N, C-alpha and C. Protein backbone atom coordinates (compact mmCIF):
# COMPACT_ATOMS: atom_id res chain seq x y z
N UNK A 1 -19.05 -11.58 130.15
CA UNK A 1 -18.81 -13.02 130.03
C UNK A 1 -20.11 -13.81 130.18
N UNK A 2 -20.91 -13.39 131.20
CA UNK A 2 -22.19 -14.08 131.41
C UNK A 2 -23.09 -13.93 130.20
N UNK A 3 -23.03 -12.75 129.56
CA UNK A 3 -23.85 -12.52 128.38
C UNK A 3 -23.47 -13.44 127.23
N UNK A 4 -22.16 -13.68 127.08
CA UNK A 4 -21.70 -14.58 126.02
C UNK A 4 -22.15 -16.01 126.27
N UNK A 5 -22.08 -16.42 127.53
CA UNK A 5 -22.53 -17.77 127.89
C UNK A 5 -24.02 -17.92 127.62
N UNK A 6 -24.79 -16.88 127.99
CA UNK A 6 -26.24 -16.91 127.76
C UNK A 6 -26.57 -16.96 126.28
N UNK A 7 -25.83 -16.18 125.49
CA UNK A 7 -26.06 -16.17 124.04
C UNK A 7 -25.77 -17.54 123.44
N UNK A 8 -24.71 -18.18 123.91
CA UNK A 8 -24.36 -19.51 123.42
C UNK A 8 -25.43 -20.53 123.78
N UNK A 9 -25.97 -20.40 124.99
CA UNK A 9 -27.05 -21.30 125.42
C UNK A 9 -28.27 -21.14 124.52
N UNK A 10 -28.62 -19.89 124.19
CA UNK A 10 -29.77 -19.65 123.31
C UNK A 10 -29.54 -20.27 121.93
N UNK A 11 -28.31 -20.16 121.42
CA UNK A 11 -28.01 -20.75 120.12
C UNK A 11 -28.16 -22.27 120.16
N UNK A 12 -27.69 -22.86 121.23
CA UNK A 12 -27.79 -24.31 121.37
C UNK A 12 -29.25 -24.75 121.49
N UNK A 13 -30.03 -23.98 122.24
CA UNK A 13 -31.44 -24.33 122.42
C UNK A 13 -32.22 -24.20 121.11
N UNK A 14 -31.77 -23.32 120.22
CA UNK A 14 -32.43 -23.19 118.92
C UNK A 14 -31.91 -24.23 117.94
N UNK A 15 -30.62 -24.58 118.04
CA UNK A 15 -30.04 -25.55 117.11
C UNK A 15 -30.67 -26.93 117.29
N UNK A 16 -31.03 -27.29 118.52
CA UNK A 16 -31.56 -28.64 118.80
C UNK A 16 -32.86 -28.92 118.05
N UNK A 17 -33.88 -28.04 118.14
CA UNK A 17 -35.11 -28.34 117.38
C UNK A 17 -34.92 -28.28 115.87
N UNK A 18 -34.03 -27.40 115.42
CA UNK A 18 -33.77 -27.32 113.98
C UNK A 18 -33.20 -28.64 113.48
N UNK A 19 -32.31 -29.25 114.28
CA UNK A 19 -31.74 -30.53 113.89
C UNK A 19 -32.80 -31.63 113.85
N UNK A 20 -33.68 -31.64 114.82
CA UNK A 20 -34.74 -32.66 114.83
C UNK A 20 -35.73 -32.42 113.70
N UNK A 21 -35.99 -31.15 113.38
CA UNK A 21 -36.81 -30.84 112.21
C UNK A 21 -36.18 -31.42 110.95
N UNK A 22 -34.86 -31.24 110.83
CA UNK A 22 -34.15 -31.78 109.67
C UNK A 22 -34.31 -33.30 109.60
N UNK A 23 -34.22 -33.97 110.74
CA UNK A 23 -34.42 -35.42 110.77
C UNK A 23 -35.82 -35.79 110.26
N UNK A 24 -36.81 -35.05 110.74
CA UNK A 24 -38.18 -35.30 110.32
C UNK A 24 -38.38 -35.03 108.84
N UNK A 25 -37.78 -33.97 108.35
CA UNK A 25 -37.93 -33.63 106.94
C UNK A 25 -37.30 -34.68 106.04
N UNK A 26 -36.11 -35.15 106.41
CA UNK A 26 -35.46 -36.19 105.61
C UNK A 26 -36.31 -37.47 105.62
N UNK A 27 -36.86 -37.80 106.78
CA UNK A 27 -37.70 -38.99 106.88
C UNK A 27 -38.95 -38.84 106.01
N UNK A 28 -39.53 -37.65 106.03
CA UNK A 28 -40.74 -37.40 105.25
C UNK A 28 -40.45 -37.53 103.75
N UNK A 29 -39.36 -36.92 103.31
CA UNK A 29 -38.99 -37.01 101.90
C UNK A 29 -38.65 -38.45 101.50
N UNK A 30 -38.20 -39.23 102.48
CA UNK A 30 -37.88 -40.63 102.23
C UNK A 30 -39.06 -41.56 102.36
N UNK A 31 -40.22 -41.02 102.70
CA UNK A 31 -41.44 -41.82 102.78
C UNK A 31 -41.67 -42.51 104.11
N UNK A 32 -40.88 -42.16 105.14
CA UNK A 32 -41.03 -42.79 106.45
C UNK A 32 -41.87 -41.88 107.36
N UNK A 33 -43.18 -41.98 107.23
CA UNK A 33 -44.09 -41.09 107.96
C UNK A 33 -43.98 -41.25 109.48
N UNK A 34 -43.85 -42.48 109.95
CA UNK A 34 -43.79 -42.70 111.40
C UNK A 34 -42.55 -42.05 112.01
N UNK A 35 -41.42 -42.27 111.36
CA UNK A 35 -40.19 -41.66 111.86
C UNK A 35 -40.25 -40.14 111.78
N UNK A 36 -40.86 -39.63 110.72
CA UNK A 36 -41.00 -38.18 110.57
C UNK A 36 -41.85 -37.61 111.69
N UNK A 37 -42.99 -38.22 111.95
CA UNK A 37 -43.88 -37.71 113.01
C UNK A 37 -43.17 -37.69 114.36
N UNK A 38 -42.42 -38.74 114.65
CA UNK A 38 -41.71 -38.80 115.94
C UNK A 38 -40.69 -37.68 116.06
N UNK A 39 -39.95 -37.43 114.97
CA UNK A 39 -38.94 -36.38 114.99
C UNK A 39 -39.58 -35.00 115.13
N UNK A 40 -40.69 -34.77 114.41
CA UNK A 40 -41.36 -33.49 114.50
C UNK A 40 -41.95 -33.26 115.89
N UNK A 41 -42.42 -34.32 116.51
CA UNK A 41 -42.97 -34.19 117.86
C UNK A 41 -41.88 -33.74 118.84
N UNK A 42 -40.70 -34.35 118.72
CA UNK A 42 -39.58 -33.94 119.57
C UNK A 42 -39.18 -32.50 119.26
N UNK A 43 -39.13 -32.16 117.99
CA UNK A 43 -38.76 -30.80 117.59
C UNK A 43 -39.72 -29.77 118.18
N UNK A 44 -41.00 -30.07 118.17
CA UNK A 44 -41.99 -29.14 118.72
C UNK A 44 -41.71 -28.87 120.19
N UNK A 45 -41.43 -29.92 120.95
CA UNK A 45 -41.12 -29.74 122.36
C UNK A 45 -39.86 -28.93 122.58
N UNK A 46 -38.86 -29.15 121.73
CA UNK A 46 -37.60 -28.41 121.86
C UNK A 46 -37.77 -26.94 121.47
N UNK A 47 -38.60 -26.67 120.45
CA UNK A 47 -38.89 -25.27 120.11
C UNK A 47 -39.55 -24.56 121.30
N UNK A 48 -40.45 -25.26 121.96
CA UNK A 48 -41.12 -24.65 123.12
C UNK A 48 -40.10 -24.35 124.22
N UNK A 49 -39.21 -25.27 124.49
CA UNK A 49 -38.17 -25.03 125.49
C UNK A 49 -37.31 -23.84 125.09
N UNK A 50 -36.98 -23.76 123.81
CA UNK A 50 -36.16 -22.66 123.31
C UNK A 50 -36.88 -21.33 123.49
N UNK A 51 -38.16 -21.30 123.17
CA UNK A 51 -38.96 -20.08 123.35
C UNK A 51 -38.98 -19.65 124.81
N UNK A 52 -39.14 -20.58 125.71
CA UNK A 52 -39.27 -20.25 127.13
C UNK A 52 -37.97 -19.72 127.72
N UNK A 53 -36.84 -20.03 127.07
CA UNK A 53 -35.55 -19.55 127.54
C UNK A 53 -35.04 -18.35 126.75
N UNK A 54 -35.71 -18.02 125.66
CA UNK A 54 -35.21 -17.01 124.73
C UNK A 54 -35.53 -15.59 125.21
N UNK A 55 -34.85 -14.60 124.64
CA UNK A 55 -35.21 -13.20 124.91
C UNK A 55 -36.64 -12.92 124.45
N UNK A 56 -37.27 -11.88 124.97
CA UNK A 56 -38.64 -11.54 124.55
C UNK A 56 -38.74 -11.35 123.04
N UNK A 57 -39.90 -11.67 122.52
CA UNK A 57 -40.24 -11.44 121.12
C UNK A 57 -39.48 -12.35 120.15
N UNK A 58 -39.05 -13.50 120.62
CA UNK A 58 -38.40 -14.48 119.73
C UNK A 58 -39.48 -15.35 119.10
N UNK A 59 -40.38 -14.71 118.38
CA UNK A 59 -41.60 -15.37 117.93
C UNK A 59 -41.36 -16.46 116.87
N UNK A 60 -40.23 -16.39 116.19
CA UNK A 60 -39.94 -17.42 115.19
C UNK A 60 -39.90 -18.81 115.79
N UNK A 61 -39.56 -18.91 117.07
CA UNK A 61 -39.52 -20.21 117.72
C UNK A 61 -40.92 -20.78 117.90
N UNK A 62 -41.89 -19.88 118.07
CA UNK A 62 -43.27 -20.34 118.17
C UNK A 62 -43.79 -20.79 116.81
N UNK A 63 -43.39 -20.10 115.75
CA UNK A 63 -43.76 -20.53 114.41
C UNK A 63 -43.16 -21.92 114.14
N UNK A 64 -41.91 -22.11 114.51
CA UNK A 64 -41.27 -23.41 114.35
C UNK A 64 -41.99 -24.50 115.12
N UNK A 65 -42.41 -24.17 116.34
CA UNK A 65 -43.14 -25.14 117.16
C UNK A 65 -44.45 -25.55 116.49
N UNK A 66 -45.16 -24.56 115.94
CA UNK A 66 -46.44 -24.86 115.28
C UNK A 66 -46.24 -25.71 114.03
N UNK A 67 -45.24 -25.36 113.22
CA UNK A 67 -44.98 -26.15 112.01
C UNK A 67 -44.69 -27.60 112.38
N UNK A 68 -43.80 -27.78 113.35
CA UNK A 68 -43.44 -29.14 113.75
C UNK A 68 -44.64 -29.89 114.32
N UNK A 69 -45.44 -29.20 115.12
CA UNK A 69 -46.61 -29.84 115.72
C UNK A 69 -47.61 -30.27 114.66
N UNK A 70 -47.86 -29.40 113.69
CA UNK A 70 -48.80 -29.75 112.62
C UNK A 70 -48.27 -30.95 111.83
N UNK A 71 -46.98 -30.95 111.52
CA UNK A 71 -46.41 -32.06 110.76
C UNK A 71 -46.35 -33.33 111.59
N UNK A 72 -46.34 -33.19 112.92
CA UNK A 72 -46.40 -34.36 113.79
C UNK A 72 -47.82 -34.89 113.92
N UNK A 73 -48.79 -34.08 113.49
CA UNK A 73 -50.18 -34.53 113.51
C UNK A 73 -50.97 -34.16 114.73
N UNK A 74 -50.45 -33.24 115.55
CA UNK A 74 -51.19 -32.86 116.76
C UNK A 74 -50.92 -31.41 117.14
N UNK A 75 -51.41 -30.50 116.34
CA UNK A 75 -51.12 -29.09 116.56
C UNK A 75 -51.97 -28.38 117.59
N UNK A 76 -53.04 -29.01 118.07
CA UNK A 76 -54.00 -28.30 118.93
C UNK A 76 -53.35 -27.78 120.23
N UNK A 77 -52.57 -28.61 120.89
CA UNK A 77 -51.95 -28.19 122.15
C UNK A 77 -51.00 -27.01 121.92
N UNK A 78 -50.23 -27.08 120.85
CA UNK A 78 -49.31 -25.98 120.54
C UNK A 78 -50.07 -24.71 120.19
N UNK A 79 -51.18 -24.85 119.49
CA UNK A 79 -51.99 -23.67 119.16
C UNK A 79 -52.50 -23.00 120.42
N UNK A 80 -52.97 -23.79 121.36
CA UNK A 80 -53.44 -23.22 122.64
C UNK A 80 -52.31 -22.53 123.36
N UNK A 81 -51.13 -23.14 123.32
CA UNK A 81 -49.97 -22.55 124.00
C UNK A 81 -49.62 -21.20 123.37
N UNK A 82 -49.61 -21.13 122.04
CA UNK A 82 -49.25 -19.90 121.34
C UNK A 82 -50.24 -18.78 121.67
N UNK A 83 -51.51 -19.11 121.71
CA UNK A 83 -52.51 -18.08 122.02
C UNK A 83 -52.32 -17.54 123.43
N UNK A 84 -51.82 -18.37 124.34
CA UNK A 84 -51.53 -17.88 125.68
C UNK A 84 -50.21 -17.13 125.76
N UNK A 85 -49.28 -17.50 124.89
CA UNK A 85 -47.94 -16.89 124.93
C UNK A 85 -47.90 -15.51 124.29
N UNK A 86 -48.77 -15.28 123.30
CA UNK A 86 -48.79 -13.98 122.61
C UNK A 86 -50.14 -13.33 122.86
N UNK A 87 -50.16 -12.38 123.73
CA UNK A 87 -51.41 -11.66 124.00
C UNK A 87 -51.72 -10.73 122.84
N UNK A 88 -53.01 -10.45 122.65
CA UNK A 88 -53.42 -9.56 121.56
C UNK A 88 -52.68 -8.22 121.63
N UNK A 89 -52.50 -7.72 122.84
CA UNK A 89 -51.93 -6.39 123.02
C UNK A 89 -50.43 -6.33 122.75
N UNK A 90 -49.75 -7.49 122.73
CA UNK A 90 -48.30 -7.48 122.60
C UNK A 90 -47.81 -8.03 121.28
N UNK A 91 -48.71 -8.42 120.39
CA UNK A 91 -48.27 -9.07 119.15
C UNK A 91 -47.30 -8.15 118.41
N UNK A 92 -47.80 -7.16 117.72
CA UNK A 92 -46.97 -6.09 117.18
C UNK A 92 -45.84 -6.48 116.26
N UNK A 93 -45.79 -7.67 115.75
CA UNK A 93 -44.75 -8.04 114.79
C UNK A 93 -45.36 -9.02 113.80
N UNK A 94 -44.89 -8.97 112.54
CA UNK A 94 -45.42 -9.91 111.55
C UNK A 94 -45.20 -11.37 111.94
N UNK A 95 -44.09 -11.66 112.60
CA UNK A 95 -43.82 -13.05 112.98
C UNK A 95 -44.78 -13.51 114.07
N UNK A 96 -45.06 -12.62 115.01
CA UNK A 96 -46.06 -12.95 116.03
C UNK A 96 -47.43 -13.14 115.40
N UNK A 97 -47.75 -12.29 114.42
CA UNK A 97 -49.03 -12.42 113.72
C UNK A 97 -49.10 -13.75 112.96
N UNK A 98 -47.99 -14.16 112.39
CA UNK A 98 -47.90 -15.45 111.68
C UNK A 98 -48.23 -16.59 112.65
N UNK A 99 -47.59 -16.57 113.81
CA UNK A 99 -47.85 -17.62 114.80
C UNK A 99 -49.32 -17.62 115.22
N UNK A 100 -49.87 -16.44 115.46
CA UNK A 100 -51.28 -16.38 115.88
C UNK A 100 -52.22 -16.81 114.76
N UNK A 101 -51.88 -16.49 113.51
CA UNK A 101 -52.73 -16.89 112.38
C UNK A 101 -52.76 -18.40 112.23
N UNK A 102 -51.61 -19.05 112.33
CA UNK A 102 -51.57 -20.51 112.23
C UNK A 102 -52.30 -21.14 113.40
N UNK A 103 -52.09 -20.60 114.59
CA UNK A 103 -52.79 -21.12 115.77
C UNK A 103 -54.30 -21.02 115.59
N UNK A 104 -54.75 -19.90 115.01
CA UNK A 104 -56.19 -19.71 114.78
C UNK A 104 -56.72 -20.72 113.77
N UNK A 105 -55.96 -20.98 112.70
CA UNK A 105 -56.39 -21.99 111.73
C UNK A 105 -56.52 -23.36 112.39
N UNK A 106 -55.55 -23.71 113.20
CA UNK A 106 -55.58 -25.01 113.88
C UNK A 106 -56.83 -25.12 114.75
N UNK A 107 -57.18 -24.01 115.40
CA UNK A 107 -58.32 -24.00 116.31
C UNK A 107 -59.65 -23.76 115.59
N UNK A 108 -59.64 -23.73 114.25
CA UNK A 108 -60.84 -23.47 113.45
C UNK A 108 -61.46 -22.11 113.75
N UNK A 109 -60.62 -21.15 114.07
CA UNK A 109 -61.07 -19.78 114.29
C UNK A 109 -60.72 -18.98 113.04
N UNK A 110 -61.53 -19.18 112.00
CA UNK A 110 -61.17 -18.67 110.68
C UNK A 110 -61.19 -17.15 110.60
N UNK A 111 -62.11 -16.51 111.30
CA UNK A 111 -62.14 -15.04 111.26
C UNK A 111 -60.87 -14.48 111.89
N UNK A 112 -60.48 -15.03 113.02
CA UNK A 112 -59.25 -14.58 113.67
C UNK A 112 -58.03 -14.84 112.80
N UNK A 113 -58.02 -15.99 112.12
CA UNK A 113 -56.89 -16.30 111.23
C UNK A 113 -56.74 -15.24 110.15
N UNK A 114 -57.84 -14.76 109.59
CA UNK A 114 -57.77 -13.73 108.57
C UNK A 114 -57.25 -12.42 109.12
N UNK A 115 -57.68 -12.07 110.32
CA UNK A 115 -57.22 -10.82 110.93
C UNK A 115 -55.71 -10.87 111.18
N UNK A 116 -55.25 -11.97 111.77
CA UNK A 116 -53.82 -12.10 112.06
C UNK A 116 -53.01 -12.17 110.78
N UNK A 117 -53.49 -12.91 109.78
CA UNK A 117 -52.74 -13.02 108.52
C UNK A 117 -52.59 -11.66 107.84
N UNK A 118 -53.61 -10.83 107.94
CA UNK A 118 -53.52 -9.50 107.32
C UNK A 118 -52.40 -8.67 107.96
N UNK A 119 -52.08 -8.97 109.22
CA UNK A 119 -51.01 -8.23 109.92
C UNK A 119 -49.62 -8.76 109.56
N UNK A 120 -49.55 -9.86 108.82
CA UNK A 120 -48.27 -10.36 108.32
C UNK A 120 -47.80 -9.59 107.11
N UNK A 121 -48.72 -8.98 106.40
CA UNK A 121 -48.41 -8.38 105.11
C UNK A 121 -47.46 -7.20 105.26
N UNK A 122 -46.56 -7.09 104.27
CA UNK A 122 -45.61 -6.00 104.25
C UNK A 122 -44.26 -6.35 104.84
N UNK A 123 -44.17 -7.47 105.54
CA UNK A 123 -42.89 -7.85 106.15
C UNK A 123 -41.90 -8.35 105.10
N UNK A 124 -42.39 -9.13 104.14
CA UNK A 124 -41.55 -9.66 103.06
C UNK A 124 -42.47 -10.30 102.04
N UNK A 125 -41.94 -10.58 100.87
CA UNK A 125 -42.73 -11.27 99.85
C UNK A 125 -43.16 -12.65 100.35
N UNK A 126 -42.25 -13.33 101.06
CA UNK A 126 -42.57 -14.66 101.57
C UNK A 126 -43.73 -14.59 102.57
N UNK A 127 -43.71 -13.60 103.44
CA UNK A 127 -44.80 -13.44 104.40
C UNK A 127 -46.10 -13.11 103.67
N UNK A 128 -46.02 -12.30 102.63
CA UNK A 128 -47.23 -11.96 101.87
C UNK A 128 -47.83 -13.21 101.22
N UNK A 129 -46.98 -14.05 100.65
CA UNK A 129 -47.48 -15.28 100.02
C UNK A 129 -48.16 -16.18 101.06
N UNK A 130 -47.53 -16.30 102.22
CA UNK A 130 -48.10 -17.16 103.25
C UNK A 130 -49.38 -16.56 103.80
N UNK A 131 -49.42 -15.25 103.96
CA UNK A 131 -50.66 -14.60 104.40
C UNK A 131 -51.79 -14.87 103.42
N UNK A 132 -51.50 -14.79 102.12
CA UNK A 132 -52.53 -15.08 101.11
C UNK A 132 -53.07 -16.49 101.26
N UNK A 133 -52.17 -17.45 101.51
CA UNK A 133 -52.60 -18.84 101.66
C UNK A 133 -53.45 -19.03 102.90
N UNK A 134 -53.05 -18.41 104.00
CA UNK A 134 -53.81 -18.54 105.25
C UNK A 134 -55.21 -17.94 105.10
N UNK A 135 -55.29 -16.78 104.50
CA UNK A 135 -56.59 -16.13 104.31
C UNK A 135 -57.47 -16.98 103.40
N UNK A 136 -56.90 -17.52 102.34
CA UNK A 136 -57.68 -18.38 101.44
C UNK A 136 -58.18 -19.62 102.17
N UNK A 137 -57.33 -20.22 103.01
CA UNK A 137 -57.77 -21.38 103.78
C UNK A 137 -58.90 -21.00 104.72
N UNK A 138 -58.75 -19.87 105.39
CA UNK A 138 -59.78 -19.45 106.34
C UNK A 138 -61.11 -19.18 105.64
N UNK A 139 -61.04 -18.78 104.38
CA UNK A 139 -62.27 -18.52 103.61
C UNK A 139 -62.77 -19.75 102.86
N UNK A 140 -62.01 -20.84 102.97
CA UNK A 140 -62.34 -22.05 102.21
C UNK A 140 -62.37 -21.78 100.71
N UNK A 141 -61.47 -20.93 100.24
CA UNK A 141 -61.39 -20.55 98.83
C UNK A 141 -60.30 -21.39 98.18
N UNK A 142 -60.69 -22.51 97.59
CA UNK A 142 -59.72 -23.46 97.06
C UNK A 142 -58.89 -22.86 95.93
N UNK A 143 -59.50 -22.10 95.05
CA UNK A 143 -58.77 -21.53 93.91
C UNK A 143 -57.69 -20.56 94.40
N UNK A 144 -58.05 -19.67 95.30
CA UNK A 144 -57.08 -18.71 95.83
C UNK A 144 -55.99 -19.42 96.63
N UNK A 145 -56.39 -20.44 97.38
CA UNK A 145 -55.41 -21.20 98.14
C UNK A 145 -54.43 -21.91 97.22
N UNK A 146 -54.94 -22.51 96.15
CA UNK A 146 -54.09 -23.22 95.20
C UNK A 146 -53.06 -22.29 94.58
N UNK A 147 -53.49 -21.08 94.21
CA UNK A 147 -52.56 -20.12 93.61
C UNK A 147 -51.49 -19.70 94.62
N UNK A 148 -51.91 -19.48 95.86
CA UNK A 148 -50.96 -19.06 96.90
C UNK A 148 -49.97 -20.19 97.21
N UNK A 149 -50.48 -21.42 97.28
CA UNK A 149 -49.61 -22.55 97.58
C UNK A 149 -48.58 -22.76 96.48
N UNK A 150 -49.03 -22.66 95.24
CA UNK A 150 -48.11 -22.80 94.09
C UNK A 150 -47.00 -21.77 94.18
N UNK A 151 -47.35 -20.52 94.51
CA UNK A 151 -46.35 -19.46 94.63
C UNK A 151 -45.35 -19.75 95.74
N UNK A 152 -45.84 -20.30 96.85
CA UNK A 152 -44.96 -20.63 97.98
C UNK A 152 -43.97 -21.73 97.57
N UNK A 153 -44.46 -22.77 96.93
CA UNK A 153 -43.59 -23.88 96.54
C UNK A 153 -42.54 -23.41 95.54
N UNK A 154 -42.95 -22.63 94.55
CA UNK A 154 -41.98 -22.17 93.55
C UNK A 154 -40.93 -21.27 94.18
N UNK A 155 -41.32 -20.48 95.18
CA UNK A 155 -40.34 -19.66 95.89
C UNK A 155 -39.32 -20.54 96.61
N UNK A 156 -39.78 -21.58 97.28
CA UNK A 156 -38.86 -22.50 97.95
C UNK A 156 -37.90 -23.15 96.96
N UNK A 157 -38.40 -23.46 95.76
CA UNK A 157 -37.55 -24.10 94.75
C UNK A 157 -36.41 -23.17 94.30
N UNK A 158 -36.64 -21.86 94.38
CA UNK A 158 -35.60 -20.91 93.98
C UNK A 158 -34.56 -20.65 95.06
N UNK A 159 -34.83 -21.09 96.27
CA UNK A 159 -33.91 -20.81 97.38
C UNK A 159 -32.68 -21.71 97.32
N UNK A 160 -31.56 -21.14 97.71
CA UNK A 160 -30.32 -21.93 97.80
C UNK A 160 -30.03 -22.31 99.24
N UNK A 161 -30.64 -21.62 100.18
CA UNK A 161 -30.43 -21.92 101.60
C UNK A 161 -31.76 -22.27 102.25
N UNK A 162 -31.74 -23.30 103.08
CA UNK A 162 -32.92 -23.72 103.84
C UNK A 162 -32.51 -23.80 105.31
N UNK A 163 -33.38 -23.38 106.19
CA UNK A 163 -33.05 -23.26 107.61
C UNK A 163 -32.43 -24.52 108.18
N UNK A 164 -33.00 -25.67 107.85
CA UNK A 164 -32.52 -26.93 108.42
C UNK A 164 -31.42 -27.58 107.59
N UNK A 165 -31.14 -27.02 106.43
CA UNK A 165 -30.19 -27.65 105.52
C UNK A 165 -30.82 -28.67 104.60
N UNK A 166 -32.12 -28.92 104.77
CA UNK A 166 -32.86 -29.87 103.94
C UNK A 166 -33.71 -29.08 102.94
N UNK A 167 -33.57 -29.39 101.68
CA UNK A 167 -34.35 -28.70 100.64
C UNK A 167 -35.77 -29.24 100.64
N UNK A 168 -36.65 -28.55 101.35
CA UNK A 168 -38.04 -28.99 101.47
C UNK A 168 -38.92 -27.76 101.66
N UNK A 169 -40.08 -27.77 101.06
CA UNK A 169 -41.03 -26.65 101.19
C UNK A 169 -41.90 -26.89 102.42
N UNK A 170 -41.32 -26.68 103.60
CA UNK A 170 -42.02 -27.06 104.83
C UNK A 170 -43.24 -26.20 105.11
N UNK A 171 -43.21 -24.93 104.70
CA UNK A 171 -44.40 -24.09 104.88
C UNK A 171 -45.57 -24.65 104.09
N UNK A 172 -45.30 -25.06 102.85
CA UNK A 172 -46.36 -25.65 102.02
C UNK A 172 -46.88 -26.94 102.64
N UNK A 173 -46.00 -27.74 103.20
CA UNK A 173 -46.43 -28.99 103.83
C UNK A 173 -47.35 -28.72 105.01
N UNK A 174 -46.98 -27.74 105.84
CA UNK A 174 -47.83 -27.39 106.97
C UNK A 174 -49.20 -26.91 106.49
N UNK A 175 -49.20 -26.05 105.49
CA UNK A 175 -50.47 -25.52 104.99
C UNK A 175 -51.34 -26.63 104.41
N UNK A 176 -50.72 -27.59 103.73
CA UNK A 176 -51.50 -28.69 103.16
C UNK A 176 -52.12 -29.57 104.24
N UNK A 177 -51.43 -29.72 105.37
CA UNK A 177 -52.03 -30.47 106.48
C UNK A 177 -53.26 -29.73 107.01
N UNK A 178 -53.16 -28.41 107.08
CA UNK A 178 -54.30 -27.61 107.54
C UNK A 178 -55.40 -27.59 106.48
N UNK A 179 -55.02 -27.60 105.21
CA UNK A 179 -56.00 -27.65 104.13
C UNK A 179 -56.76 -28.96 104.14
N UNK A 180 -56.07 -30.04 104.50
CA UNK A 180 -56.73 -31.35 104.54
C UNK A 180 -57.88 -31.36 105.54
N UNK A 181 -57.71 -30.64 106.64
CA UNK A 181 -58.78 -30.54 107.64
C UNK A 181 -60.01 -29.84 107.07
N UNK A 182 -59.79 -29.05 106.02
CA UNK A 182 -60.89 -28.29 105.41
C UNK A 182 -61.34 -28.90 104.09
N UNK A 183 -60.71 -29.98 103.69
CA UNK A 183 -61.10 -30.67 102.47
C UNK A 183 -60.77 -29.93 101.20
N UNK A 184 -59.71 -29.09 101.24
CA UNK A 184 -59.37 -28.31 100.04
C UNK A 184 -57.89 -28.42 99.70
N UNK A 185 -57.30 -29.59 99.86
CA UNK A 185 -55.90 -29.75 99.48
C UNK A 185 -55.73 -29.56 97.98
N UNK A 186 -54.52 -29.15 97.61
CA UNK A 186 -54.22 -28.88 96.20
C UNK A 186 -52.94 -29.62 95.83
N UNK A 187 -52.98 -30.53 94.86
CA UNK A 187 -51.75 -31.25 94.49
C UNK A 187 -50.77 -30.32 93.79
N UNK A 188 -49.56 -30.25 94.33
CA UNK A 188 -48.48 -29.48 93.71
C UNK A 188 -47.28 -30.41 93.58
N UNK A 189 -46.76 -30.53 92.38
CA UNK A 189 -45.61 -31.41 92.14
C UNK A 189 -44.33 -30.61 92.29
N UNK A 190 -43.41 -31.13 93.10
CA UNK A 190 -42.15 -30.46 93.32
C UNK A 190 -41.15 -31.44 93.93
N UNK A 191 -39.87 -31.32 93.57
CA UNK A 191 -38.85 -32.15 94.23
C UNK A 191 -38.68 -31.80 95.69
N UNK A 192 -39.26 -30.68 96.11
CA UNK A 192 -39.16 -30.24 97.50
C UNK A 192 -40.34 -30.68 98.34
N UNK A 193 -41.16 -31.57 97.79
CA UNK A 193 -42.30 -32.10 98.51
C UNK A 193 -42.26 -33.63 98.45
N UNK A 194 -42.73 -34.31 99.49
CA UNK A 194 -42.79 -35.78 99.44
C UNK A 194 -43.70 -36.24 98.30
N UNK A 195 -43.36 -37.36 97.73
CA UNK A 195 -44.24 -37.92 96.71
C UNK A 195 -45.50 -38.43 97.36
N UNK A 196 -46.66 -38.22 96.71
CA UNK A 196 -47.91 -38.72 97.29
C UNK A 196 -47.86 -40.23 97.47
N UNK A 197 -48.39 -40.71 98.59
CA UNK A 197 -48.44 -42.15 98.82
C UNK A 197 -49.50 -42.77 97.93
N UNK A 198 -49.23 -43.97 97.43
CA UNK A 198 -50.19 -44.61 96.51
C UNK A 198 -51.11 -45.54 97.25
């Protein structure tokens, strides 16, 4: 009985940040940047709470926290937290490597980002595409990054299910925020991305 109660608590703790992410995504697609940033900021905090209460190796919650933090415009604190939460010796999973790779990009540790991204490969086609984009960003290779980003967006367009229920290419959005810090953003047109502000 206690196990069932605990499992329900974990589900609730994960559902809360996903809902706030959805709020932020809808606001972003609607052009309300301020409301989006506020929702993503709350989502990042809730993902962290969910991670701290979750069973070991629930690394997807850390990836969610990083995405939300980047979209909220302040990923540095979350990146530091992730690097402390996942020790080098315990990573051992593509999802953990994904979290560490994004954290490394945020911290401008491009060599580390490439190492971690290479450990994402083989988990799925989606992970491979994202690994390609991270490595290209870390190398400041705009052409390779553009090709990887295009592939990510087109994959999202083919999906019928989205984690938050909002049809949005959130991985591409996060990567573009990180690309902006490096001056190599790539315009990609898609109904799953916010329209560029004029």
